[in-house]
Amino acid sequence: GTTTDGTSSWILVRDTGAGISEADRERLFQRYYQ
């Protein structure tokens, strides 16, 4: 989905998978981290 308020716009991608644990979420955006 996409939406906007005139100043900012948002793109949303949502799945119905297994999800991500809290421990993994803290490092998910680090390079080479799986």
Full PDB file with SEQRES, HELIX, SHEET, SSBOND, CRYST1, ORIGX, SCALE, CONECT and MASTER records, all heavy atoms in Angstrom:
SEQRES   1 A   34  GLY THR THR THR ASP GLY THR SER SER TRP ILE LEU VAL          
SEQRES   2 A   34  ARG ASP THR GLY ALA GLY ILE SER GLU ALA ASP ARG GLU          
SEQRES   3 A   34  ARG LEU PHE GLN ARG TYR TYR GLN                              
HELIX    1 AA1 GLU A   22  ARG A   25  1                                   4    
SHEET    1 AA1 2 THR A   2  THR A   4  0                                        
SHEET    2 AA1 2 SER A   9  ILE A  11 -1                                        
CRYST1    1.000    1.000    1.000  90.00  90.00  90.00 P 1           1          
ORIGX1      1.000000  0.000000  0.000000        0.00000                         
ORIGX2      0.000000  1.000000  0.000000        0.00000                         
ORIGX3      0.000000  0.000000  1.000000        0.00000                         
SCALE1      1.000000  0.000000  0.000000        0.00000                         
SCALE2      0.000000  1.000000  0.000000        0.00000                         
SCALE3      0.000000  0.000000  1.000000        0.00000                         
ATOM      1  N   GLY A   1       0.816  -1.204   0.000  1.00  0.00           N  
ATOM      2  CA  GLY A   1       0.000   0.000   0.000  1.00  0.00           C  
ATOM      3  C   GLY A   1       0.849   1.254   0.000  1.00  0.00           C  
ATOM      4  O   GLY A   1       2.040   1.233   0.344  1.00  0.00           O  
ATOM      5  N   THR A   2       0.257   2.352  -0.377  1.00  0.00           N  
ATOM      6  CA  THR A   2       0.901   3.668  -0.357  1.00  0.00           C  
ATOM      7  C   THR A   2      -0.110   4.692   0.126  1.00  0.00           C  
ATOM      8  O   THR A   2      -1.320   4.549  -0.093  1.00  0.00           O  
ATOM      9  CB  THR A   2       1.407   4.074  -1.758  1.00  0.00           C  
ATOM     10  OG1 THR A   2       0.289   4.068  -2.674  1.00  0.00           O  
ATOM     11  CG2 THR A   2       2.479   3.123  -2.252  1.00  0.00           C  
ATOM     12  N   THR A   3       0.398   5.738   0.796  1.00  0.00           N  
ATOM     13  CA  THR A   3      -0.457   6.832   1.259  1.00  0.00           C  
ATOM     14  C   THR A   3       0.418   8.055   1.470  1.00  0.00           C  
ATOM     15  O   THR A   3       1.646   7.965   1.485  1.00  0.00           O  
ATOM     16  CB  THR A   3      -1.183   6.452   2.559  1.00  0.00           C  
ATOM     17  OG1 THR A   3      -2.125   7.483   2.898  1.00  0.00           O  
ATOM     18  CG2 THR A   3      -0.195   6.312   3.709  1.00  0.00           C  
ATOM     19  N   THR A   4      -0.216   9.221   1.649  1.00  0.00           N  
ATOM     20  CA  THR A   4       0.518  10.473   1.833  1.00  0.00           C  
ATOM     21  C   THR A   4      -0.310  11.443   2.660  1.00  0.00           C  
ATOM     22  O   THR A   4      -1.541  11.319   2.736  1.00  0.00           O  
ATOM     23  CB  THR A   4       0.857  11.105   0.470  1.00  0.00           C  
ATOM     24  OG1 THR A   4       1.661  12.263   0.679  1.00  0.00           O  
ATOM     25  CG2 THR A   4      -0.409  11.492  -0.265  1.00  0.00           C  
ATOM     26  N   ASP A   5       0.383  12.382   3.314  1.00  0.00           N  
ATOM     27  CA  ASP A   5      -0.297  13.470   4.002  1.00  0.00           C  
ATOM     28  C   ASP A   5       0.046  14.820   3.383  1.00  0.00           C  
ATOM     29  O   ASP A   5      -0.250  15.862   3.968  1.00  0.00           O  
ATOM     30  CB  ASP A   5       0.071  13.468   5.489  1.00  0.00           C  
ATOM     31  CG  ASP A   5       1.543  13.710   5.735  1.00  0.00           C  
ATOM     32  OD1 ASP A   5       2.295  13.888   4.756  1.00  0.00           O  
ATOM     33  OD2 ASP A   5       1.955  13.731   6.910  1.00  0.00           O  
ATOM     34  N   GLY A   6       0.680  14.787   2.206  1.00  0.00           N  
ATOM     35  CA  GLY A   6       1.049  16.016   1.526  1.00  0.00           C  
ATOM     36  C   GLY A   6       2.474  16.454   1.786  1.00  0.00           C  
ATOM     37  O   GLY A   6       3.083  17.125   0.950  1.00  0.00           O  
ATOM     38  N   THR A   7       3.016  16.090   2.929  1.00  0.00           N  
ATOM     39  CA  THR A   7       4.409  16.416   3.254  1.00  0.00           C  
ATOM     40  C   THR A   7       5.295  15.184   3.178  1.00  0.00           C  
ATOM     41  O   THR A   7       6.424  15.249   2.679  1.00  0.00           O  
ATOM     42  CB  THR A   7       4.503  17.018   4.661  1.00  0.00           C  
ATOM     43  OG1 THR A   7       3.673  18.182   4.733  1.00  0.00           O  
ATOM     44  CG2 THR A   7       5.938  17.401   5.005  1.00  0.00           C  
ATOM     45  N   SER A   8       4.789  14.054   3.655  1.00  0.00           N  
ATOM     46  CA  SER A   8       5.504  12.783   3.606  1.00  0.00           C  
ATOM     47  C   SER A   8       4.602  11.728   2.990  1.00  0.00           C  
ATOM     48  O   SER A   8       3.366  11.823   3.059  1.00  0.00           O  
ATOM     49  CB  SER A   8       5.944  12.343   5.002  1.00  0.00           C  
ATOM     50  OG  SER A   8       6.804  13.297   5.590  1.00  0.00           O  
ATOM     51  N   SER A   9       5.233  10.728   2.387  1.00  0.00           N  
ATOM     52  CA  SER A   9       4.494   9.604   1.818  1.00  0.00           C  
ATOM     53  C   SER A   9       5.062   8.315   2.387  1.00  0.00           C  
ATOM     54  O   SER A   9       6.239   8.258   2.779  1.00  0.00           O  
ATOM     55  CB  SER A   9       4.598   9.594   0.290  1.00  0.00           C  
ATOM     56  OG  SER A   9       3.952  10.734  -0.255  1.00  0.00           O  
ATOM     57  N   TRP A  10       4.205   7.283   2.430  1.00  0.00           N  
ATOM     58  CA  TRP A  10       4.607   6.011   3.014  1.00  0.00           C  
ATOM     59  C   TRP A  10       4.329   4.877   2.041  1.00  0.00           C  
ATOM     60  O   TRP A  10       3.309   4.865   1.337  1.00  0.00           O  
ATOM     61  CB  TRP A  10       3.834   5.754   4.297  1.00  0.00           C  
ATOM     62  CG  TRP A  10       4.205   6.669   5.422  1.00  0.00           C  
ATOM     63  CD1 TRP A  10       5.144   6.463   6.373  1.00  0.00           C  
ATOM     64  CD2 TRP A  10       3.639   7.956   5.697  1.00  0.00           C  
ATOM     65  NE1 TRP A  10       5.215   7.521   7.242  1.00  0.00           N  
ATOM     66  CE2 TRP A  10       4.294   8.464   6.846  1.00  0.00           C  
ATOM     67  CE3 TRP A  10       2.661   8.736   5.080  1.00  0.00           C  
ATOM     68  CZ2 TRP A  10       3.999   9.697   7.387  1.00  0.00           C  
ATOM     69  CZ3 TRP A  10       2.361   9.968   5.618  1.00  0.00           C  
ATOM     70  CH2 TRP A  10       3.027  10.443   6.763  1.00  0.00           C  
ATOM     71  N   ILE A  11       5.252   3.933   1.978  1.00  0.00           N  
ATOM     72  CA  ILE A  11       5.098   2.695   1.226  1.00  0.00           C  
ATOM     73  C   ILE A  11       5.113   1.553   2.229  1.00  0.00           C  
ATOM     74  O   ILE A  11       6.054   1.432   3.033  1.00  0.00           O  
ATOM     75  CB  ILE A  11       6.231   2.502   0.193  1.00  0.00           C  
ATOM     76  CG1 ILE A  11       6.230   3.661  -0.808  1.00  0.00           C  
ATOM     77  CG2 ILE A  11       6.088   1.166  -0.526  1.00  0.00           C  
ATOM     78  CD1 ILE A  11       7.412   3.624  -1.767  1.00  0.00           C  
ATOM     79  N   LEU A  12       4.094   0.702   2.201  1.00  0.00           N  
ATOM     80  CA  LEU A  12       3.944  -0.379   3.179  1.00  0.00           C  
ATOM     81  C   LEU A  12       3.993  -1.726   2.484  1.00  0.00           C  
ATOM     82  O   LEU A  12       3.356  -1.923   1.435  1.00  0.00           O  
ATOM     83  CB  LEU A  12       2.624  -0.214   3.930  1.00  0.00           C  
ATOM     84  CG  LEU A  12       2.273  -1.268   4.993  1.00  0.00           C  
ATOM     85  CD1 LEU A  12       1.555  -0.610   6.160  1.00  0.00           C  
ATOM     86  CD2 LEU A  12       1.374  -2.367   4.395  1.00  0.00           C  
ATOM     87  N   VAL A  13       4.770  -2.654   3.069  1.00  0.00           N  
ATOM     88  CA  VAL A  13       4.831  -4.035   2.589  1.00  0.00           C  
ATOM     89  C   VAL A  13       4.670  -4.935   3.807  1.00  0.00           C  
ATOM     90  O   VAL A  13       5.512  -4.919   4.716  1.00  0.00           O  
ATOM     91  CB  VAL A  13       6.162  -4.337   1.874  1.00  0.00           C  
ATOM     92  CG1 VAL A  13       6.205  -5.799   1.448  1.00  0.00           C  
ATOM     93  CG2 VAL A  13       6.346  -3.420   0.667  1.00  0.00           C  
ATOM     94  N   ARG A  14       3.597  -5.739   3.820  1.00  0.00           N  
ATOM     95  CA  ARG A  14       3.304  -6.592   4.974  1.00  0.00           C  
ATOM     96  C   ARG A  14       3.088  -8.020   4.512  1.00  0.00           C  
ATOM     97  O   ARG A  14       2.388  -8.265   3.527  1.00  0.00           O  
ATOM     98  CB  ARG A  14       2.063  -6.079   5.715  1.00  0.00           C  
ATOM     99  CG  ARG A  14       1.656  -6.936   6.909  1.00  0.00           C  
ATOM    100  CD  ARG A  14       0.680  -6.171   7.807  1.00  0.00           C  
ATOM    101  NE  ARG A  14      -0.538  -5.802   7.104  1.00  0.00           N  
ATOM    102  CZ  ARG A  14      -1.639  -6.567   7.038  1.00  0.00           C  
ATOM    103  NH1 ARG A  14      -1.656  -7.742   7.622  1.00  0.00           N  
ATOM    104  NH2 ARG A  14      -2.714  -6.144   6.389  1.00  0.00           N  
ATOM    105  N   ASP A  15       3.701  -8.971   5.259  1.00  0.00           N  
ATOM    106  CA  ASP A  15       3.547 -10.386   4.921  1.00  0.00           C  
ATOM    107  C   ASP A  15       2.836 -11.120   6.054  1.00  0.00           C  
ATOM    108  O   ASP A  15       2.615 -10.562   7.127  1.00  0.00           O  
ATOM    109  CB  ASP A  15       4.908 -11.036   4.639  1.00  0.00           C  
ATOM    110  CG  ASP A  15       5.837 -11.016   5.841  1.00  0.00           C  
ATOM    111  OD1 ASP A  15       5.484 -11.601   6.872  1.00  0.00           O  
ATOM    112  OD2 ASP A  15       6.925 -10.411   5.760  1.00  0.00           O  
ATOM    113  N   THR A  16       2.503 -12.372   5.790  1.00  0.00           N  
ATOM    114  CA  THR A  16       1.846 -13.214   6.796  1.00  0.00           C  
ATOM    115  C   THR A  16       2.746 -14.381   7.172  1.00  0.00           C  
ATOM    116  O   THR A  16       2.266 -15.504   7.370  1.00  0.00           O  
ATOM    117  CB  THR A  16       0.498 -13.721   6.255  1.00  0.00           C  
ATOM    118  OG1 THR A  16       0.735 -14.430   5.026  1.00  0.00           O  
ATOM    119  CG2 THR A  16      -0.462 -12.586   6.002  1.00  0.00           C  
ATOM    120  N   GLY A  17       4.038 -14.107   7.254  1.00  0.00           N  
ATOM    121  CA  GLY A  17       5.005 -15.164   7.543  1.00  0.00           C  
ATOM    122  C   GLY A  17       5.184 -15.411   9.031  1.00  0.00           C  
ATOM    123  O   GLY A  17       4.314 -15.097   9.851  1.00  0.00           O  
ATOM    124  N   ALA A  18       6.354 -15.951   9.380  1.00  0.00           N  
ATOM    125  CA  ALA A  18       6.615 -16.356  10.764  1.00  0.00           C  
ATOM    126  C   ALA A  18       6.976 -15.187  11.655  1.00  0.00           C  
ATOM    127  O   ALA A  18       6.989 -15.328  12.882  1.00  0.00           O  
ATOM    128  CB  ALA A  18       7.739 -17.391  10.790  1.00  0.00           C  
ATOM    129  N   GLY A  19       7.272 -14.030  11.089  1.00  0.00           N  
ATOM    130  CA  GLY A  19       7.665 -12.890  11.902  1.00  0.00           C  
ATOM    131  C   GLY A  19       9.137 -12.945  12.286  1.00  0.00           C  
ATOM    132  O   GLY A  19       9.859 -13.903  11.984  1.00  0.00           O  
ATOM    133  N   ILE A  20       9.588 -11.903  12.978  1.00  0.00           N  
ATOM    134  CA  ILE A  20      10.997 -11.766  13.353  1.00  0.00           C  
ATOM    135  C   ILE A  20      11.058 -11.544  14.855  1.00  0.00           C  
ATOM    136  O   ILE A  20      10.326 -10.710  15.393  1.00  0.00           O  
ATOM    137  CB  ILE A  20      11.656 -10.582  12.607  1.00  0.00           C  
ATOM    138  CG1 ILE A  20      11.472 -10.749  11.087  1.00  0.00           C  
ATOM    139  CG2 ILE A  20      13.127 -10.462  12.957  1.00  0.00           C  
ATOM    140  CD1 ILE A  20      11.902  -9.538  10.293  1.00  0.00           C  
ATOM    141  N   SER A  21      11.943 -12.259  15.534  1.00  0.00           N  
ATOM    142  CA  SER A  21      12.064 -12.137  16.978  1.00  0.00           C  
ATOM    143  C   SER A  21      12.658 -10.782  17.353  1.00  0.00           C  
ATOM    144  O   SER A  21      13.298 -10.103  16.538  1.00  0.00           O  
ATOM    145  CB  SER A  21      12.941 -13.253  17.539  1.00  0.00           C  
ATOM    146  OG  SER A  21      14.284 -13.104  17.092  1.00  0.00           O  
ATOM    147  N   GLU A  22      12.460 -10.403  18.625  1.00  0.00           N  
ATOM    148  CA  GLU A  22      12.968  -9.110  19.092  1.00  0.00           C  
ATOM    149  C   GLU A  22      14.494  -9.045  19.031  1.00  0.00           C  
ATOM    150  O   GLU A  22      15.064  -8.016  18.689  1.00  0.00           O  
ATOM    151  CB  GLU A  22      12.497  -8.865  20.526  1.00  0.00           C  
ATOM    152  CG  GLU A  22      12.918  -7.506  21.096  1.00  0.00           C  
ATOM    153  CD  GLU A  22      12.383  -7.274  22.485  1.00  0.00           C  
ATOM    154  OE1 GLU A  22      11.603  -8.129  22.959  1.00  0.00           O  
ATOM    155  OE2 GLU A  22      12.728  -6.243  23.087  1.00  0.00           O  
ATOM    156  N   ALA A  23      15.162 -10.166  19.349  1.00  0.00           N  
ATOM    157  CA  ALA A  23      16.626 -10.182  19.292  1.00  0.00           C  
ATOM    158  C   ALA A  23      17.131  -9.964  17.883  1.00  0.00           C  
ATOM    159  O   ALA A  23      18.128  -9.261  17.664  1.00  0.00           O  
ATOM    160  CB  ALA A  23      17.148 -11.510  19.846  1.00  0.00           C  
ATOM    161  N   ASP A  24      16.433 -10.539  16.886  1.00  0.00           N  
ATOM    162  CA  ASP A  24      16.850 -10.365  15.492  1.00  0.00           C  
ATOM    163  C   ASP A  24      16.511  -8.978  14.978  1.00  0.00           C  
ATOM    164  O   ASP A  24      17.238  -8.426  14.137  1.00  0.00           O  
ATOM    165  CB  ASP A  24      16.187 -11.425  14.604  1.00  0.00           C  
ATOM    166  CG  ASP A  24      16.782 -12.810  14.847  1.00  0.00           C  
ATOM    167  OD1 ASP A  24      17.960 -12.878  15.228  1.00  0.00           O  
ATOM    168  OD2 ASP A  24      16.062 -13.804  14.658  1.00  0.00           O  
ATOM    169  N   ARG A  25      15.406  -8.398  15.466  1.00  0.00           N  
ATOM    170  CA  ARG A  25      15.008  -7.069  14.979  1.00  0.00           C  
ATOM    171  C   ARG A  25      16.064  -6.020  15.295  1.00  0.00           C  
ATOM    172  O   ARG A  25      16.246  -5.068  14.526  1.00  0.00           O  
ATOM    173  CB  ARG A  25      13.665  -6.658  15.601  1.00  0.00           C  
ATOM    174  CG  ARG A  25      12.483  -7.410  15.050  1.00  0.00           C  
ATOM    175  CD  ARG A  25      11.176  -6.660  15.313  1.00  0.00           C  
ATOM    176  NE  ARG A  25      10.901  -6.513  16.721  1.00  0.00           N  
ATOM    177  CZ  ARG A  25      10.211  -7.372  17.448  1.00  0.00           C  
ATOM    178  NH1 ARG A  25       9.752  -8.489  16.881  1.00  0.00           N  
ATOM    179  NH2 ARG A  25       9.976  -7.160  18.723  1.00  0.00           N  
ATOM    180  N   GLU A  26      16.774  -6.175  16.442  1.00  0.00           N  
ATOM    181  CA  GLU A  26      17.761  -5.172  16.830  1.00  0.00           C  
ATOM    182  C   GLU A  26      18.951  -5.139  15.877  1.00  0.00           C  
ATOM    183  O   GLU A  26      19.634  -4.126  15.776  1.00  0.00           O  
ATOM    184  CB  GLU A  26      18.234  -5.458  18.258  1.00  0.00           C  
ATOM    185  CG  GLU A  26      17.133  -5.313  19.306  1.00  0.00           C  
ATOM    186  CD  GLU A  26      17.634  -5.649  20.692  1.00  0.00           C  
ATOM    187  OE1 GLU A  26      18.807  -6.090  20.803  1.00  0.00           O  
ATOM    188  OE2 GLU A  26      16.870  -5.482  21.667  1.00  0.00           O  
ATOM    189  N   ARG A  27      19.210  -6.261  15.166  1.00  0.00           N  
ATOM    190  CA  ARG A  27      20.396  -6.321  14.305  1.00  0.00           C  
ATOM    191  C   ARG A  27      20.042  -6.575  12.851  1.00  0.00           C  
ATOM    192  O   ARG A  27      20.932  -6.805  12.030  1.00  0.00           O  
ATOM    193  CB  ARG A  27      21.314  -7.442  14.787  1.00  0.00           C  
ATOM    194  CG  ARG A  27      21.774  -7.300  16.226  1.00  0.00           C  
ATOM    195  CD  ARG A  27      22.672  -8.453  16.638  1.00  0.00           C  
ATOM    196  NE  ARG A  27      23.835  -8.540  15.771  1.00  0.00           N  
ATOM    197  CZ  ARG A  27      24.699  -9.560  15.770  1.00  0.00           C  
ATOM    198  NH1 ARG A  27      24.504 -10.573  16.591  1.00  0.00           N  
ATOM    199  NH2 ARG A  27      25.739  -9.566  14.951  1.00  0.00           N  
ATOM    200  N   LEU A  28      18.759  -6.529  12.532  1.00  0.00           N  
ATOM    201  CA  LEU A  28      18.323  -6.931  11.193  1.00  0.00           C  
ATOM    202  C   LEU A  28      18.891  -6.037  10.105  1.00  0.00           C  
ATOM    203  O   LEU A  28      19.140  -6.491   8.978  1.00  0.00           O  
ATOM    204  CB  LEU A  28      16.790  -6.924  11.132  1.00  0.00           C  
ATOM    205  CG  LEU A  28      16.169  -7.608   9.903  1.00  0.00           C  
ATOM    206  CD1 LEU A  28      16.523  -9.083   9.901  1.00  0.00           C  
ATOM    207  CD2 LEU A  28      14.655  -7.430   9.897  1.00  0.00           C  
ATOM    208  N   PHE A  29      19.132  -4.746  10.410  1.00  0.00           N  
ATOM    209  CA  PHE A  29      19.605  -3.809   9.385  1.00  0.00           C  
ATOM    210  C   PHE A  29      21.126  -3.700   9.344  1.00  0.00           C  
ATOM    211  O   PHE A  29      21.663  -2.854   8.646  1.00  0.00           O  
ATOM    212  CB  PHE A  29      18.993  -2.427   9.624  1.00  0.00           C  
ATOM    213  CG  PHE A  29      17.499  -2.388   9.379  1.00  0.00           C  
ATOM    214  CD1 PHE A  29      16.606  -2.451  10.428  1.00  0.00           C  
ATOM    215  CD2 PHE A  29      17.004  -2.314   8.086  1.00  0.00           C  
ATOM    216  CE1 PHE A  29      15.237  -2.420  10.205  1.00  0.00           C  
ATOM    217  CE2 PHE A  29      15.633  -2.279   7.859  1.00  0.00           C  
ATOM    218  CZ  PHE A  29      14.749  -2.335   8.915  1.00  0.00           C  
ATOM    219  N   GLN A  30      21.818  -4.552  10.121  1.00  0.00           N  
ATOM    220  CA  GLN A  30      23.271  -4.566  10.035  1.00  0.00           C  
ATOM    221  C   GLN A  30      23.713  -5.349   8.805  1.00  0.00           C  
ATOM    222  O   GLN A  30      23.099  -6.342   8.428  1.00  0.00           O  
ATOM    223  CB  GLN A  30      23.880  -5.209  11.285  1.00  0.00           C  
ATOM    224  CG  GLN A  30      23.627  -4.420  12.554  1.00  0.00           C  
ATOM    225  CD  GLN A  30      24.248  -5.096  13.765  1.00  0.00           C  
ATOM    226  OE1 GLN A  30      24.956  -6.083  13.641  1.00  0.00           O  
ATOM    227  NE2 GLN A  30      23.983  -4.553  14.942  1.00  0.00           N  
ATOM    228  N   ARG A  31      24.800  -4.904   8.213  1.00  0.00           N  
ATOM    229  CA  ARG A  31      25.293  -5.569   7.012  1.00  0.00           C  
ATOM    230  C   ARG A  31      25.812  -6.961   7.335  1.00  0.00           C  
ATOM    231  O   ARG A  31      26.450  -7.169   8.359  1.00  0.00           O  
ATOM    232  CB  ARG A  31      26.399  -4.741   6.372  1.00  0.00           C  
ATOM    233  CG  ARG A  31      25.886  -3.378   5.891  1.00  0.00           C  
ATOM    234  CD  ARG A  31      26.987  -2.561   5.287  1.00  0.00           C  
ATOM    235  NE  ARG A  31      26.470  -1.264   4.850  1.00  0.00           N  
ATOM    236  CZ  ARG A  31      27.201  -0.339   4.245  1.00  0.00           C  
ATOM    237  NH1 ARG A  31      28.482  -0.558   4.016  1.00  0.00           N  
ATOM    238  NH2 ARG A  31      26.656   0.808   3.875  1.00  0.00           N  
ATOM    239  N   TYR A  32      25.508  -7.885   6.460  1.00  0.00           N  
ATOM    240  CA  TYR A  32      25.915  -9.287   6.540  1.00  0.00           C  
ATOM    241  C   TYR A  32      25.221 -10.050   7.667  1.00  0.00           C  
ATOM    242  O   TYR A  32      25.555 -11.204   7.917  1.00  0.00           O  
ATOM    243  CB  TYR A  32      27.442  -9.428   6.715  1.00  0.00           C  
ATOM    244  CG  TYR A  32      28.223  -8.751   5.624  1.00  0.00           C  
ATOM    245  CD1 TYR A  32      28.841  -7.533   5.854  1.00  0.00           C  
ATOM    246  CD2 TYR A  32      28.347  -9.327   4.363  1.00  0.00           C  
ATOM    247  CE1 TYR A  32      29.565  -6.896   4.853  1.00  0.00           C  
ATOM    248  CE2 TYR A  32      29.065  -8.703   3.355  1.00  0.00           C  
ATOM    249  CZ  TYR A  32      29.670  -7.488   3.610  1.00  0.00           C  
ATOM    250  OH  TYR A  32      30.389  -6.858   2.620  1.00  0.00           O  
ATOM    251  N   TYR A  33      24.258  -9.423   8.319  1.00  0.00           N  
ATOM    252  CA  TYR A  33      23.560 -10.146   9.389  1.00  0.00           C  
ATOM    253  C   TYR A  33      22.369 -10.889   8.793  1.00  0.00           C  
ATOM    254  O   TYR A  33      21.578 -10.323   8.019  1.00  0.00           O  
ATOM    255  CB  TYR A  33      23.068  -9.199  10.478  1.00  0.00           C  
ATOM    256  CG  TYR A  33      22.306  -9.908  11.567  1.00  0.00           C  
ATOM    257  CD1 TYR A  33      22.992 -10.672  12.510  1.00  0.00           C  
ATOM    258  CD2 TYR A  33      20.914  -9.847  11.647  1.00  0.00           C  
ATOM    259  CE1 TYR A  33      22.310 -11.349  13.509  1.00  0.00           C  
ATOM    260  CE2 TYR A  33      20.233 -10.528  12.642  1.00  0.00           C  
ATOM    261  CZ  TYR A  33      20.936 -11.270  13.571  1.00  0.00           C  
ATOM    262  OH  TYR A  33      20.250 -11.939  14.552  1.00  0.00           O  
ATOM    263  N   GLN A  34      22.256 -12.190   9.178  1.00  0.00           N  
ATOM    264  CA  GLN A  34      21.148 -13.011   8.725  1.00  0.00           C  
ATOM    265  C   GLN A  34      20.415 -13.529   9.954  1.00  0.00           C  
ATOM    266  O   GLN A  34      21.008 -14.218  10.790  1.00  0.00           O  
ATOM    267  CB  GLN A  34      21.652 -14.182   7.879  1.00  0.00           C  
ATOM    268  CG  GLN A  34      22.332 -13.720   6.576  1.00  0.00           C  
ATOM    269  CD  GLN A  34      22.946 -14.893   5.833  1.00  0.00           C  
ATOM    270  OE1 GLN A  34      23.454 -15.820   6.440  1.00  0.00           O  
ATOM    271  NE2 GLN A  34      22.880 -14.840   4.523  1.00  0.00           N  
TER     272      GLN A  34                                                      
MASTER        0    0    0    1    2    0    0    6  271    1    0    3          
END                                                                             
